Protein backbone atom coordinates (compact mmCIF):
# COMPACT_ATOMS: atom_id res chain seq x y z
CA MET A 1 -63.89 5.15 -2.85
CA GLU A 2 -63.40 4.27 -6.80
CA ARG A 3 -59.69 2.94 -7.34
CA PRO A 4 -58.64 4.44 -10.68
CA SER A 5 -58.33 1.65 -14.04
CA ILE A 6 -55.38 -0.93 -13.45
CA VAL A 7 -53.10 -1.97 -16.22
CA GLY A 8 -54.05 -5.83 -16.45
CA THR A 9 -53.04 -8.78 -18.53
CA GLN A 10 -56.16 -8.37 -20.93
CA ARG A 11 -57.02 -5.81 -23.73
CA PRO A 12 -59.28 -2.48 -23.19
CA ALA A 13 -62.81 -2.45 -23.61
CA PRO A 14 -63.95 -2.55 -27.18
CA GLY A 15 -65.01 0.85 -26.28
CA VAL A 16 -61.83 2.40 -25.40
CA ALA A 17 -59.78 4.50 -27.51
CA ALA A 18 -57.50 3.55 -30.18
CA PRO A 19 -54.55 5.71 -28.23
CA MET A 20 -55.42 4.18 -25.23
CA ARG A 21 -55.33 0.92 -26.68
CA VAL A 22 -51.94 1.61 -28.00
CA GLU A 23 -50.36 2.84 -25.07
CA HIS A 24 -51.97 0.13 -23.09
CA GLU A 25 -49.81 -2.64 -25.59
CA HIS A 26 -46.78 -0.76 -25.63
CA LEU A 27 -46.46 -0.71 -21.49
CA MET A 28 -47.23 -4.19 -21.64
CA ALA A 29 -44.61 -5.24 -23.69
CA LEU A 30 -42.17 -3.00 -21.93
CA ILE A 31 -42.81 -4.70 -18.53
CA ASP A 32 -42.71 -8.04 -20.39
CA HIS A 33 -39.43 -7.26 -22.26
CA THR A 34 -36.94 -6.30 -19.22
CA SER A 35 -35.22 -8.25 -16.98
CA ALA A 36 -36.20 -7.53 -13.86
CA VAL A 37 -39.53 -9.14 -11.83
CA ILE A 38 -41.87 -5.91 -11.84
CA TYR A 39 -46.08 -7.01 -10.01
CA MET A 40 -48.15 -4.74 -8.53
CA ARG A 41 -50.44 -5.26 -5.19
CA ASP A 42 -53.33 -3.37 -3.64
CA ALA A 43 -53.61 -2.13 -0.41
CA ASP A 44 -54.88 -5.62 1.03
CA GLY A 45 -51.42 -7.55 -0.90
CA ARG A 46 -53.64 -9.12 -3.85
CA TYR A 47 -51.65 -9.36 -6.82
CA LEU A 48 -52.76 -6.88 -9.62
CA LEU A 49 -50.39 -7.17 -12.04
CA VAL A 50 -46.89 -9.34 -12.70
CA ASN A 51 -44.67 -9.24 -15.67
CA ARG A 52 -43.94 -12.27 -18.01
CA GLU A 53 -40.04 -12.55 -15.73
CA TYR A 54 -42.12 -13.04 -12.82
CA GLU A 55 -44.65 -15.91 -14.69
CA ARG A 56 -41.05 -17.18 -15.31
CA LEU A 57 -39.46 -17.51 -12.54
CA PHE A 58 -41.96 -19.13 -10.11
CA LYS A 59 -43.63 -20.85 -12.81
CA LEU A 60 -47.30 -19.48 -12.52
CA ARG A 61 -49.37 -17.74 -15.13
CA ARG A 62 -50.62 -13.94 -14.50
CA GLU A 63 -54.04 -15.23 -15.07
CA ASP A 64 -53.74 -17.15 -11.77
CA ILE A 65 -52.05 -14.49 -9.14
CA VAL A 66 -54.31 -11.83 -9.51
CA GLY A 67 -56.42 -11.69 -6.76
CA MET A 68 -53.30 -13.75 -4.41
CA THR A 69 -51.72 -13.00 -1.88
CA ASP A 70 -47.90 -13.47 -0.90
CA HIS A 71 -49.06 -15.74 1.70
CA ASP A 72 -51.05 -17.73 -1.03
CA LEU A 73 -47.76 -18.50 -2.90
CA PHE A 74 -44.54 -18.01 -0.03
CA PRO A 75 -44.02 -19.95 2.48
CA GLU A 76 -45.07 -17.69 5.94
CA ALA A 77 -41.98 -16.09 6.95
CA ILE A 78 -41.01 -15.19 3.24
CA ALA A 79 -44.82 -13.35 2.59
CA ASP A 80 -44.69 -11.39 6.11
CA GLU A 81 -41.29 -9.96 4.95
CA PHE A 82 -43.27 -9.26 1.59
CA ARG A 83 -45.73 -7.41 3.31
CA ALA A 84 -43.95 -5.37 5.91
CA ASN A 85 -41.99 -3.87 3.09
CA ASP A 86 -45.14 -2.94 0.49
CA LEU A 87 -46.57 -1.60 4.37
CA ARG A 88 -43.50 0.78 4.51
CA ALA A 89 -43.76 1.80 1.08
CA PHE A 90 -46.97 2.94 1.99
CA ALA A 91 -46.36 4.52 5.10
CA ARG A 92 -43.73 6.48 3.69
CA GLY A 93 -45.51 7.56 0.41
CA PHE A 94 -42.02 7.79 -1.85
CA PRO A 95 -40.13 4.58 -3.17
CA VAL A 96 -37.97 2.51 -0.85
CA GLN A 97 -35.02 -0.13 -1.18
CA MET A 98 -34.69 -2.75 0.10
CA GLU A 99 -33.02 -6.59 -0.07
CA GLU A 100 -35.65 -9.61 -0.09
CA GLN A 101 -34.82 -13.32 -1.16
CA ALA A 102 -37.49 -15.39 -2.36
CA PRO A 103 -37.57 -19.32 -3.41
CA GLY A 104 -35.64 -20.63 -6.53
CA ASP A 105 -34.88 -23.68 -8.45
CA ASP A 106 -31.41 -23.41 -6.43
CA GLY A 107 -32.41 -22.28 -3.64
CA LEU A 108 -33.30 -19.28 -1.85
CA ARG A 109 -32.22 -15.98 -4.45
CA THR A 110 -31.82 -12.14 -3.78
CA TYR A 111 -32.94 -10.08 -4.85
CA VAL A 112 -32.68 -5.83 -4.42
CA THR A 113 -36.05 -4.18 -4.43
CA VAL A 114 -37.62 -0.94 -5.16
CA LYS A 115 -41.16 -0.14 -4.45
CA PHE A 116 -42.85 2.93 -4.47
CA PRO A 117 -46.99 3.66 -3.80
CA LEU A 118 -49.55 4.76 -6.88
CA THR A 119 -52.28 7.35 -5.81
CA ASP A 120 -55.28 8.23 -6.71
CA ALA A 121 -56.58 11.73 -7.80
CA SER A 122 -57.33 12.68 -4.09
CA GLY A 123 -53.48 11.89 -3.22
CA ARG A 124 -54.64 8.29 -1.10
CA SER A 125 -52.41 5.74 -2.07
CA TYR A 126 -53.83 2.42 -3.28
CA ALA A 127 -51.60 -0.21 -4.85
CA VAL A 128 -47.73 -0.66 -4.51
CA CYS A 129 -45.42 -1.15 -7.47
CA GLY A 130 -42.10 -3.51 -7.21
CA ILE A 131 -38.95 -3.38 -9.68
CA SER A 132 -36.86 -6.49 -8.21
CA THR A 133 -33.88 -7.26 -9.68
CA ASP A 134 -31.76 -10.62 -9.17
CA ILE A 135 -28.36 -9.76 -7.21
CA THR A 136 -27.62 -13.69 -6.17
CA GLU A 137 -24.52 -13.81 -8.23
CA ARG A 138 -23.51 -10.80 -7.03
CA LYS A 139 -23.95 -11.75 -3.25
CA HIS A 140 -22.54 -14.61 -3.59
CA ALA A 141 -19.17 -13.20 -4.86
CA GLU A 142 -19.42 -10.61 -2.62
CA GLU A 143 -19.67 -13.75 0.04
CA GLN A 144 -16.37 -14.78 -1.57
CA VAL A 145 -14.40 -11.81 -1.16
CA ARG A 146 -15.46 -11.60 2.49
CA ARG A 147 -14.22 -15.07 2.67
CA LEU A 148 -10.94 -14.69 0.53
CA ASN A 149 -10.43 -11.16 2.61
CA GLU A 150 -10.57 -13.15 6.08
CA GLU A 151 -8.20 -15.72 4.86
CA LEU A 152 -6.13 -13.19 3.76
CA GLU A 153 -6.13 -11.27 7.01
CA MET A 154 -5.36 -14.63 8.49
CA ARG A 155 -2.43 -15.15 6.29
CA VAL A 156 -0.90 -11.84 6.90
CA ARG A 157 -1.39 -12.24 11.38
CA GLU A 158 0.24 -15.71 10.85
CA ARG A 159 2.59 -14.20 8.52
CA THR A 160 3.49 -10.91 10.45
CA ALA A 161 3.33 -13.21 13.68
CA GLU A 162 6.42 -15.17 11.94
CA LEU A 163 8.10 -11.97 10.81
CA GLU A 164 7.52 -10.54 14.74
CA ALA A 165 10.09 -14.48 15.93
CA SER A 166 11.90 -13.61 13.12
CA THR A 167 12.47 -9.96 14.18
CA GLN A 168 13.10 -11.14 17.60
CA GLU A 169 15.62 -13.65 16.48
CA LEU A 170 17.32 -11.10 14.56
CA ASP A 171 17.59 -8.75 17.43
CA ALA A 172 18.83 -11.88 19.53
CA PHE A 173 21.42 -12.72 17.10
CA ALA A 174 22.56 -8.44 16.97
CA TYR A 175 22.74 -8.55 20.79
CA SER A 176 24.96 -11.33 19.66
CA VAL A 177 27.22 -9.71 17.60
CA SER A 178 27.70 -6.09 19.26
CA HIS A 179 28.98 -7.66 22.59
CA ASP A 180 30.25 -11.19 22.28
CA LEU A 181 31.67 -10.36 18.74
CA ARG A 182 33.16 -7.12 20.17
CA ALA A 183 34.61 -8.94 23.42
CA PRO A 184 37.05 -10.62 21.60
CA LEU A 185 37.97 -8.15 19.25
CA ARG A 186 38.78 -6.15 22.70
CA SER A 187 41.38 -8.85 23.76
CA VAL A 188 42.83 -9.01 20.48
CA GLU A 189 43.93 -5.14 19.90
CA GLY A 190 44.43 -5.17 24.26
CA PHE A 191 47.05 -7.72 24.19
CA SER A 192 48.42 -6.45 20.52
CA GLN A 193 48.90 -3.24 22.05
CA ILE A 194 50.10 -4.80 25.47
CA LEU A 195 53.01 -6.28 23.58
CA LEU A 196 53.61 -3.00 21.58
CA ASP A 197 53.96 -0.88 25.18
CA ASP A 198 55.81 -3.19 27.07
CA TYR A 199 57.78 -5.05 24.69
CA GLY A 200 58.33 -2.72 21.67
CA GLY A 201 62.04 -2.18 21.75
CA ASP A 202 61.99 -6.10 21.89
CA LEU A 203 60.82 -6.52 19.35
CA ALA A 204 61.99 -6.82 15.28
CA GLU A 205 60.53 -4.36 12.39
CA GLU A 206 58.63 -7.23 10.85
CA ALA A 207 57.19 -7.71 14.26
CA HIS A 208 56.20 -4.59 14.95
CA GLN A 209 54.30 -4.41 11.68
CA HIS A 210 52.92 -7.59 12.19
CA LEU A 211 51.00 -5.81 15.53
CA GLY A 212 50.34 -2.93 13.29
CA ARG A 213 48.39 -5.10 10.72
CA ILE A 214 46.69 -7.05 13.75
CA GLN A 215 45.80 -3.81 14.82
CA THR A 216 44.55 -2.36 11.25
CA ASN A 217 42.02 -5.00 10.54
CA VAL A 218 40.61 -5.93 14.26
CA ALA A 219 39.38 -1.90 13.28
CA ARG A 220 38.07 -3.07 10.36
CA MET A 221 36.29 -6.04 11.41
CA ALA A 222 34.82 -3.91 14.66
CA GLN A 223 33.81 -1.10 11.44
CA MET A 224 32.24 -4.33 9.99
CA ILE A 225 30.60 -5.04 12.90
CA ASP A 226 28.89 -1.55 13.09
CA ASP A 227 27.69 -1.76 9.58
CA LEU A 228 26.23 -4.95 9.66
CA LEU A 229 23.87 -3.89 12.85
CA ASP A 230 23.52 -0.14 10.69
CA LEU A 231 22.09 -2.56 7.38
CA SER A 232 20.21 -4.94 10.35
CA ARG A 233 18.37 -1.50 11.75
CA ALA A 234 18.01 0.04 8.24
CA THR A 235 16.23 -3.59 7.67
CA ARG A 236 13.83 -4.21 11.01
CA ARG A 237 13.30 -0.94 12.39
CA GLU A 238 9.96 0.74 12.28
CA LEU A 239 9.17 3.29 9.73
CA ARG A 240 8.12 6.35 12.12
CA ARG A 241 7.58 9.38 8.92
CA ALA A 242 7.87 12.92 10.77
CA PRO A 243 8.89 16.21 9.44
CA THR A 244 12.56 15.78 8.69
CA ASP A 245 14.70 18.10 8.22
CA ILE A 246 17.35 17.27 6.14
CA SER A 247 19.67 20.45 5.97
CA ALA A 248 19.85 20.38 9.96
CA LEU A 249 21.41 17.02 9.74
CA ALA A 250 23.30 17.25 7.01
CA HIS A 251 25.07 19.88 8.71
CA GLU A 252 25.64 17.44 11.29
CA VAL A 253 27.02 15.25 9.20
CA ALA A 254 28.74 17.74 8.23
CA THR A 255 30.18 19.01 11.63
CA GLU A 256 31.11 15.06 12.14
CA LEU A 257 33.19 15.02 8.74
CA ARG A 258 35.10 17.96 9.27
CA ASP A 259 36.04 17.02 13.09
CA THR A 260 37.84 13.61 11.44
CA ALA A 261 40.48 15.41 9.47
CA ARG A 262 39.99 19.07 10.29
CA ASP A 263 43.47 19.95 7.88
CA ARG A 264 40.99 18.99 5.04
CA VAL A 265 39.97 21.86 2.76
CA VAL A 266 36.32 20.68 1.41
CA ASP A 267 33.68 23.16 0.55
CA LEU A 268 30.55 21.37 1.31
CA VAL A 269 27.80 23.02 -0.10
CA ILE A 270 24.05 22.46 2.07
CA PRO A 271 21.56 24.59 1.39
CA ASP A 272 18.76 25.99 4.07
CA GLY A 273 15.21 24.50 4.13
CA LEU A 274 15.33 21.20 2.41
CA ALA A 275 12.50 19.25 4.56
CA VAL A 276 10.51 16.26 4.09
CA GLN A 277 8.06 13.47 5.93
CA ALA A 278 10.68 10.48 6.74
CA ASP A 279 11.65 9.01 9.66
CA PRO A 280 14.90 11.21 10.82
CA HIS A 281 16.95 8.33 12.42
CA LEU A 282 16.83 6.22 8.84
CA ILE A 283 17.68 9.46 7.22
CA ARG A 284 20.47 10.23 8.94
CA LEU A 285 22.23 7.13 8.21
CA VAL A 286 21.71 8.10 4.55
CA LEU A 287 22.88 11.25 5.13
CA GLN A 288 25.65 9.83 6.51
CA ASN A 289 26.68 6.93 3.95
CA LEU A 290 26.46 8.95 1.06
CA LEU A 291 28.04 12.55 2.83
CA GLY A 292 31.18 10.37 3.92
CA ASN A 293 31.13 8.35 0.68
CA ALA A 294 32.10 11.68 -0.59
CA TRP A 295 34.00 13.19 2.05
CA LYS A 296 36.16 9.70 1.62
CA PHE A 297 36.31 9.51 -2.43
CA THR A 298 37.21 12.75 -2.51
CA VAL A 299 40.37 12.41 -0.17
CA HIS A 300 42.90 13.42 -2.92
CA ARG A 301 41.69 16.73 -3.82
CA ASP A 302 43.15 19.77 -3.54
CA HIS A 303 40.08 21.83 -3.59
CA ALA A 304 37.33 19.25 -2.84
CA VAL A 305 33.79 20.25 -3.70
CA ILE A 306 30.81 18.20 -2.31
CA SER A 307 26.94 19.34 -2.57
CA LEU A 308 23.40 18.89 -1.36
CA SER A 309 20.76 19.76 -3.06
CA ARG A 310 17.10 18.98 -4.21
CA HIS A 311 14.96 19.31 -7.28
CA GLN A 312 11.54 18.37 -8.45
CA HIS A 313 10.68 15.98 -11.73
CA ASP A 314 7.28 15.02 -12.08
CA GLY A 315 5.99 16.64 -8.52
CA VAL A 316 8.13 14.43 -6.94
CA ASP A 317 10.95 15.67 -4.24
CA VAL A 318 14.75 14.20 -5.54
CA PHE A 319 17.39 14.98 -3.62
CA ALA A 320 21.33 14.66 -4.96
CA VAL A 321 24.11 14.62 -2.91
CA ARG A 322 27.52 15.45 -5.72
CA ASP A 323 31.02 15.62 -5.18
CA ASN A 324 34.31 15.65 -7.46
CA GLY A 325 36.05 12.87 -6.10
CA ALA A 326 37.47 9.48 -7.61
CA GLY A 327 34.15 8.37 -9.54
CA PHE A 328 33.57 5.42 -10.63
CA ASP A 329 33.09 3.37 -14.25
CA MET A 330 28.92 3.53 -14.75
CA ARG A 331 29.90 -0.67 -16.28
CA TYR A 332 29.67 -1.54 -12.46
CA ALA A 333 26.83 0.39 -10.87
CA ASP A 334 24.45 -2.91 -10.63
CA LYS A 335 26.74 -3.64 -8.01
CA LEU A 336 26.69 -0.51 -6.00
CA PHE A 337 23.78 -1.23 -3.46
CA ASP A 338 24.57 -5.05 -2.83
CA PRO A 339 26.50 -5.67 0.49
CA PHE A 340 29.97 -5.94 0.46
CA GLN A 341 30.51 -4.85 -2.96
CA ARG A 342 33.36 -2.13 -3.40
CA LEU A 343 34.49 -0.66 -6.92
CA HIS A 344 37.74 0.19 -5.05
CA SER A 345 40.39 -1.29 -3.88
CA ALA A 346 40.61 -0.79 -0.02
CA SER A 347 44.23 0.08 -0.26
CA ASP A 348 42.80 3.11 -2.17
CA PHE A 349 39.35 3.89 -0.29
CA GLU A 350 39.24 2.11 3.44
CA GLY A 351 35.51 0.44 3.77
CA THR A 352 33.13 -2.23 4.05
CA GLY A 353 31.18 -2.49 1.36
CA ILE A 354 28.02 -2.06 2.80
CA GLY A 355 27.26 1.79 3.51
CA LEU A 356 25.26 1.83 -0.02
CA ALA A 357 23.77 -1.37 0.61
CA ILE A 358 22.14 0.63 3.75
CA VAL A 359 21.19 3.62 1.95
CA HIS A 360 19.43 1.59 -0.72
CA ARG A 361 16.90 -0.51 1.63
CA ILE A 362 15.97 2.96 3.93
CA VAL A 363 15.53 4.66 0.30
CA THR A 364 13.37 1.66 -0.97
CA ARG A 365 11.64 1.26 3.14
CA HIS A 366 10.31 4.95 2.14
CA GLY A 367 8.91 4.40 -1.10
CA GLY A 368 11.43 5.84 -2.88
CA GLN A 369 14.09 5.40 -5.95
CA ILE A 370 17.85 6.06 -5.94
CA CYS A 371 20.22 6.31 -8.95
CA ALA A 372 23.68 7.24 -9.63
CA GLU A 373 25.92 8.72 -12.39
CA SER A 374 29.50 8.88 -12.10
CA GLU A 375 32.45 8.92 -14.59
CA PRO A 376 36.17 7.70 -13.15
CA ASP A 377 38.36 10.86 -11.85
CA ALA A 378 35.17 12.66 -12.56
CA GLY A 379 32.90 12.48 -9.40
CA ALA A 380 29.70 11.08 -8.85
CA THR A 381 25.99 11.77 -8.43
CA PHE A 382 23.69 9.79 -6.06
CA ARG A 383 19.96 11.29 -6.36
CA PHE A 384 17.10 9.44 -4.29
CA SER A 385 13.58 10.35 -3.32
CA LEU A 386 11.86 9.37 -0.19
CA THR A 387 8.18 8.69 -1.45
CA PRO A 388 6.01 6.69 -3.32
CA ALA A 389 6.31 8.02 -7.18
CA PRO A 390 3.37 7.24 -9.88
CA ALA A 391 3.39 4.05 -11.68
CA GLY A 392 6.42 4.14 -14.50
CA TRP A 393 7.84 6.91 -12.79
CA VAL A 394 11.73 6.63 -12.62
CA ILE A 395 14.05 8.87 -10.63
CA ARG A 396 16.29 11.61 -12.71
């Protein structure tokens, strides 16, 4: 079978028409000025053509390469792979892509290669053309990224193990706080009550007052222990998001608040249908503290109003708890969410100063934000979100 003419390294014969000669020169200029390695081999694996980049990389002249096979130029294993890939392109009849390796000045270089068969007028493949691009540096970078990822994963595992150990220590501490500290408190409260019950008639009024202060401070200490445990749980408890009915949780909290002071007149506005994907146990703590604060700071209002609402800001659900209570000075708002920080005296409003720190940690763990707005004697509004927001988003 007569093969079609192959683009070679020599100019066409003198008898070839000028347009074909120009086309030949343009094609050779194109393949010689590309950074890819371009070559052509016949069905027997013998070179028909290579470009200048091939010559440069392998330090061979094209005149010397034509007619040779890869087994004449490369180690056997590499030549076998090249030949196998050529045969794949012949067998498939369409372009195929693969990675190949070839020797370089600094060791093996990696190439991504596209090979496709050339066919004659009858459709029979007579040669294969290859275009190879050096991706060695990219492969090195990928390998470095892979190693870095493995190191990072190892560090994460180590850090996770450390955190698990720390969590176990915190659990042990929480257990100690819950049990070991409560026992002496119960003892102090119990003996002070015995003194009042059994010897109250023999004690002076001042002694009665001292015992009353002891019991008040024992109760305050017990509340502080409860709040510290809540703060610990809010920080280390595993976050489990689930469909959460905020309206239902708020109604439960409101019922508990009403049971503590049945004589109070408080207008609690809680709309139905407020729902979110969040941890229901932690969100109940949020509502207990925010609604509880609103309940506490409206105690001096003849007609207290507390509301829970929701609105959207830039596509993010924002919940708000409002009250018409004592309010606070916004100059000190940066202290609101720090543990044990209080903006009112204990004589005016009881509390440990931990509730808003609990709320802040829970909201932050959900990926949300929280802010407060208030004026003295004009109530307060706490807004919070429970889902991550776009970069630069600020709650409003």
